[in-house]
Amino acid sequence: MYVAFAHVASSLALHPEKLLVATGQIGKEPYICVWDSLTAQNVSILKDGHKQGVAAMGFDKEGHVSIL
């Protein structure tokens, strides 16, 4: 089990190659966590610009995270 959040995960996106997963959080200081789907190791944390939470996101065809 992968645990990285102090609050509830509000969104989840699977990379087109299925090697990465991004999860978004709600709460006082929400962020997006990108992690390796095979090892559950944290790859990146994106903290800037999220005020209340991340309601929806996805990966584009090139594998970049898009926040909706």
C-alpha atoms as a PDB file:
ATOM      1  CA  MET A   1       0.000   0.000   0.000  1.00  0.00           C
ATOM      2  CA  TYR A   2       1.255   3.479  -0.918  1.00  0.00           C
ATOM      3  CA  VAL A   3       0.694   6.229   1.655  1.00  0.00           C
ATOM      4  CA  ALA A   4       1.798   9.801   0.916  1.00  0.00           C
ATOM      5  CA  PHE A   5      -1.072  12.032   1.949  1.00  0.00           C
ATOM      6  CA  ALA A   6      -2.044  13.725   5.165  1.00  0.00           C
ATOM      7  CA  HIS A   7      -5.562  14.219   3.728  1.00  0.00           C
ATOM      8  CA  VAL A   8      -7.912  12.451   1.329  1.00  0.00           C
ATOM      9  CA  ALA A   9      -6.784  11.703  -2.243  1.00  0.00           C
ATOM     10  CA  SER A  10      -9.374  13.364  -4.473  1.00  0.00           C
ATOM     11  CA  SER A  11      -8.174  12.350  -7.931  1.00  0.00           C
ATOM     12  CA  LEU A  12      -6.077   9.717  -9.654  1.00  0.00           C
ATOM     13  CA  ALA A  13      -4.546   9.481 -13.131  1.00  0.00           C
ATOM     14  CA  LEU A  14      -2.720   6.602 -14.813  1.00  0.00           C
ATOM     15  CA  HIS A  15       0.117   7.346 -17.264  1.00  0.00           C
ATOM     16  CA  PRO A  16      -0.458   6.043 -20.843  1.00  0.00           C
ATOM     17  CA  GLU A  17       2.390   3.523 -20.392  1.00  0.00           C
ATOM     18  CA  LYS A  18       0.960   2.532 -16.978  1.00  0.00           C
ATOM     19  CA  LEU A  19       4.326   3.041 -15.259  1.00  0.00           C
ATOM     20  CA  LEU A  20       3.346   6.202 -13.374  1.00  0.00           C
ATOM     21  CA  VAL A  21       0.340   7.158 -11.306  1.00  0.00           C
ATOM     22  CA  ALA A  22      -0.553  10.678 -10.185  1.00  0.00           C
ATOM     23  CA  THR A  23      -2.789  11.322  -7.213  1.00  0.00           C
ATOM     24  CA  GLY A  24      -4.233  14.686  -6.177  1.00  0.00           C
ATOM     25  CA  GLN A  25      -5.117  15.781  -2.689  1.00  0.00           C
ATOM     26  CA  ILE A  26      -7.657  18.035  -0.981  1.00  0.00           C
ATOM     27  CA  GLY A  27      -6.931  19.999   2.162  1.00  0.00           C
ATOM     28  CA  LYS A  28      -5.121  23.112   3.433  1.00  0.00           C
ATOM     29  CA  GLU A  29      -1.973  22.624   1.331  1.00  0.00           C
ATOM     30  CA  PRO A  30      -2.962  20.241  -1.480  1.00  0.00           C
ATOM     31  CA  TYR A  31      -0.485  18.785  -3.928  1.00  0.00           C
ATOM     32  CA  ILE A  32      -0.095  16.205  -6.666  1.00  0.00           C
ATOM     33  CA  CYS A  33       2.091  13.203  -6.025  1.00  0.00           C
ATOM     34  CA  VAL A  34       3.515  11.266  -8.992  1.00  0.00           C
ATOM     35  CA  TRP A  35       4.733   7.807  -8.155  1.00  0.00           C
ATOM     36  CA  ASP A  36       6.015   4.639  -9.778  1.00  0.00           C
ATOM     37  CA  SER A  37       3.151   2.160 -10.155  1.00  0.00           C
ATOM     38  CA  LEU A  38       5.417  -0.886  -9.837  1.00  0.00           C
ATOM     39  CA  THR A  39       7.526   0.079  -6.812  1.00  0.00           C
ATOM     40  CA  ALA A  40       5.242   2.675  -5.127  1.00  0.00           C
ATOM     41  CA  GLN A  41       8.253   4.996  -4.910  1.00  0.00           C
ATOM     42  CA  ASN A  42       7.607   8.738  -5.026  1.00  0.00           C
ATOM     43  CA  VAL A  43       8.833  10.271  -8.314  1.00  0.00           C
ATOM     44  CA  SER A  44       7.691  13.885  -7.912  1.00  0.00           C
ATOM     45  CA  ILE A  45       5.554  16.183  -5.763  1.00  0.00           C
ATOM     46  CA  LEU A  46       3.869  19.169  -7.430  1.00  0.00           C
ATOM     47  CA  LYS A  47       2.841  21.776  -4.834  1.00  0.00           C
ATOM     48  CA  ASP A  48       2.452  25.097  -6.654  1.00  0.00           C
ATOM     49  CA  GLY A  49      -0.870  26.653  -7.568  1.00  0.00           C
ATOM     50  CA  HIS A  50      -3.342  24.376  -5.823  1.00  0.00           C
ATOM     51  CA  LYS A  51      -5.590  26.379  -3.489  1.00  0.00           C
ATOM     52  CA  GLN A  52      -8.358  24.036  -2.273  1.00  0.00           C
ATOM     53  CA  GLY A  53      -7.500  20.738  -3.894  1.00  0.00           C
ATOM     54  CA  VAL A  54      -7.088  18.833  -7.129  1.00  0.00           C
ATOM     55  CA  ALA A  55     -10.514  17.711  -8.363  1.00  0.00           C
ATOM     56  CA  ALA A  56      -9.473  16.214 -11.707  1.00  0.00           C
ATOM     57  CA  MET A  57      -6.311  15.566 -13.675  1.00  0.00           C
ATOM     58  CA  GLY A  58      -4.933  13.276 -16.344  1.00  0.00           C
ATOM     59  CA  PHE A  59      -1.911  12.479 -18.464  1.00  0.00           C
ATOM     60  CA  ASP A  60      -1.796  13.588 -22.089  1.00  0.00           C
ATOM     61  CA  LYS A  61      -0.485  11.306 -24.884  1.00  0.00           C
ATOM     62  CA  GLU A  62       3.070  12.548 -24.284  1.00  0.00           C
ATOM     63  CA  GLY A  63       2.814  11.663 -20.602  1.00  0.00           C
ATOM     64  CA  HIS A  64       2.531  15.172 -19.125  1.00  0.00           C
ATOM     65  CA  VAL A  65       0.153  15.786 -16.197  1.00  0.00           C
ATOM     66  CA  SER A  66      -2.800  18.046 -17.049  1.00  0.00           C
ATOM     67  CA  ILE A  67      -4.847  19.553 -14.238  1.00  0.00           C
ATOM     68  CA  LEU A  68      -8.488  20.142 -15.100  1.00  0.00           C
END
